[in-house]
């Protein structure tokens, strides 16, 4: 069988312990870059959204994740009632609020 495949002989690994650590440095560097470019901004954005949702009050003008613009008329533990037109009110979950709009946005829309 050695006619087609040459015999492989083991060779000593160059370096030893230093090369093992040196081979881990790129992997560690990738995880650090991944943390600072992807995870950290996402965690910060989630924290800001949670703080915004917890601070919602009656009279605030908001936009939902579905794109509805409305004024908050009632705030419950897990639901918010929005007035999206004169006499039209809908209930949405608190965490479905995408952003808080400046006062007067609802009347101009």
Protein backbone atom coordinates (compact mmCIF):
# COMPACT_ATOMS: atom_id res chain seq x y z
CA UNK A 1 0.00 0.00 0.00
CA UNK A 2 2.94 2.35 0.44
CA UNK A 3 3.17 2.47 -3.32
CA UNK A 4 0.33 5.07 -3.50
CA UNK A 5 0.67 6.80 -0.11
CA UNK A 6 3.95 7.69 1.49
CA UNK A 7 4.50 6.87 5.14
CA UNK A 8 3.98 9.78 7.54
CA UNK A 9 6.45 10.22 10.33
CA UNK A 10 5.73 12.27 13.43
CA UNK A 11 7.79 15.40 13.88
CA UNK A 12 8.43 17.32 17.07
CA UNK A 13 6.21 20.37 17.47
CA UNK A 14 8.18 23.59 17.25
CA UNK A 15 7.95 25.93 20.20
CA UNK A 16 6.03 23.95 22.80
CA UNK A 17 3.98 25.90 25.39
CA UNK A 18 4.59 29.28 23.78
CA UNK A 19 3.03 28.21 20.49
CA UNK A 20 -0.06 26.84 22.28
CA UNK A 21 -0.70 30.24 23.86
CA UNK A 22 0.12 32.04 20.64
CA UNK A 23 -2.49 29.99 18.80
CA UNK A 24 -5.17 31.07 21.33
CA UNK A 25 -4.48 34.79 20.96
CA UNK A 26 -6.43 35.19 17.66
CA UNK A 27 -9.41 33.34 19.13
CA UNK A 28 -9.41 35.53 22.23
CA UNK A 29 -9.06 38.62 20.04
CA UNK A 30 -12.09 37.57 17.97
CA UNK A 31 -14.21 37.18 21.13
CA UNK A 32 -13.14 40.62 22.40
CA UNK A 33 -14.01 42.27 19.08
CA UNK A 34 -17.32 40.36 18.98
CA UNK A 35 -18.18 41.63 22.47
CA UNK A 36 -17.40 45.29 21.78
CA UNK A 37 -18.93 45.46 18.30
CA UNK A 38 -22.04 43.29 18.72
CA UNK A 39 -22.95 42.33 22.27
CA UNK A 40 -22.20 45.51 24.21
CA UNK A 41 -24.24 47.89 21.97
CA UNK A 42 -27.15 45.44 21.93
CA UNK A 43 -27.15 45.14 25.74
CA UNK A 44 -26.99 48.94 26.05
CA UNK A 45 -29.91 49.38 23.62
CA UNK A 46 -32.00 46.80 25.50
CA UNK A 47 -31.32 48.53 28.81
CA UNK A 48 -32.35 51.93 27.37
CA UNK A 49 -35.56 50.43 25.91
CA UNK A 50 -36.48 48.80 29.22
CA UNK A 51 -35.90 52.08 31.06
CA UNK A 52 -38.04 53.95 28.50
CA UNK A 53 -40.88 51.41 28.78
CA UNK A 54 -40.84 51.59 32.58
CA UNK A 55 -41.04 55.40 32.52
CA UNK A 56 -44.12 55.63 30.23
CA UNK A 57 -46.96 57.71 31.63
CA UNK A 58 -50.42 58.88 30.65
CA UNK A 59 -50.30 61.58 27.96
CA UNK A 60 -47.02 60.43 26.37
CA UNK A 61 -47.02 60.09 22.60
CA UNK A 62 -45.47 56.87 21.35
CA UNK A 63 -44.93 54.71 18.28
CA UNK A 64 -45.44 50.94 18.52
CA UNK A 65 -43.36 48.27 16.81
CA UNK A 66 -46.22 47.90 14.33
CA UNK A 67 -46.01 51.58 13.39
CA UNK A 68 -49.07 52.90 15.23
CA UNK A 69 -48.73 56.48 16.49
CA UNK A 70 -50.84 57.31 19.49
CA UNK A 71 -51.24 58.96 22.86
CA UNK A 72 -51.25 56.89 26.05
CA UNK A 73 -54.59 57.11 27.87
CA UNK A 74 -54.17 54.32 30.41
CA UNK A 75 -51.15 52.51 31.84
CA UNK A 76 -51.49 49.06 33.42
CA UNK A 77 -48.93 46.59 34.72
CA UNK A 78 -48.30 44.91 31.36
CA UNK A 79 -50.62 46.72 28.90
CA UNK A 80 -51.04 50.28 27.68
CA UNK A 81 -54.14 51.77 26.10
CA UNK A 82 -53.38 54.04 23.15
CA UNK A 83 -55.69 56.53 21.50
CA UNK A 84 -54.78 56.32 17.82
CA UNK A 85 -57.67 58.51 16.55
CA UNK A 86 -60.61 60.37 18.08
CA UNK A 87 -62.58 57.72 19.97
CA UNK A 88 -60.39 54.82 18.76
CA UNK A 89 -58.40 53.12 21.48
CA UNK A 90 -56.25 49.99 21.29
CA UNK A 91 -54.49 47.96 23.93
CA UNK A 92 -50.86 47.02 23.35
CA UNK A 93 -48.23 45.38 25.49
CA UNK A 94 -45.79 47.71 27.19
CA UNK A 95 -42.77 46.18 25.50
CA UNK A 96 -44.39 46.70 22.06
CA UNK A 97 -43.63 50.41 22.33
CA UNK A 98 -40.78 51.22 19.95
CA UNK A 99 -40.08 54.85 20.78
CA UNK A 100 -41.27 57.90 22.64
CA UNK A 101 -42.18 60.84 20.39
CA UNK A 102 -41.96 64.55 21.18
CA UNK A 103 -45.11 66.26 22.44
CA UNK A 104 -47.35 67.51 19.62
CA UNK A 105 -46.39 64.80 17.13
CA UNK A 106 -49.78 63.09 17.45
CA UNK A 107 -51.76 66.26 16.55
CA UNK A 108 -49.60 67.10 13.52
CA UNK A 109 -49.85 63.57 12.05
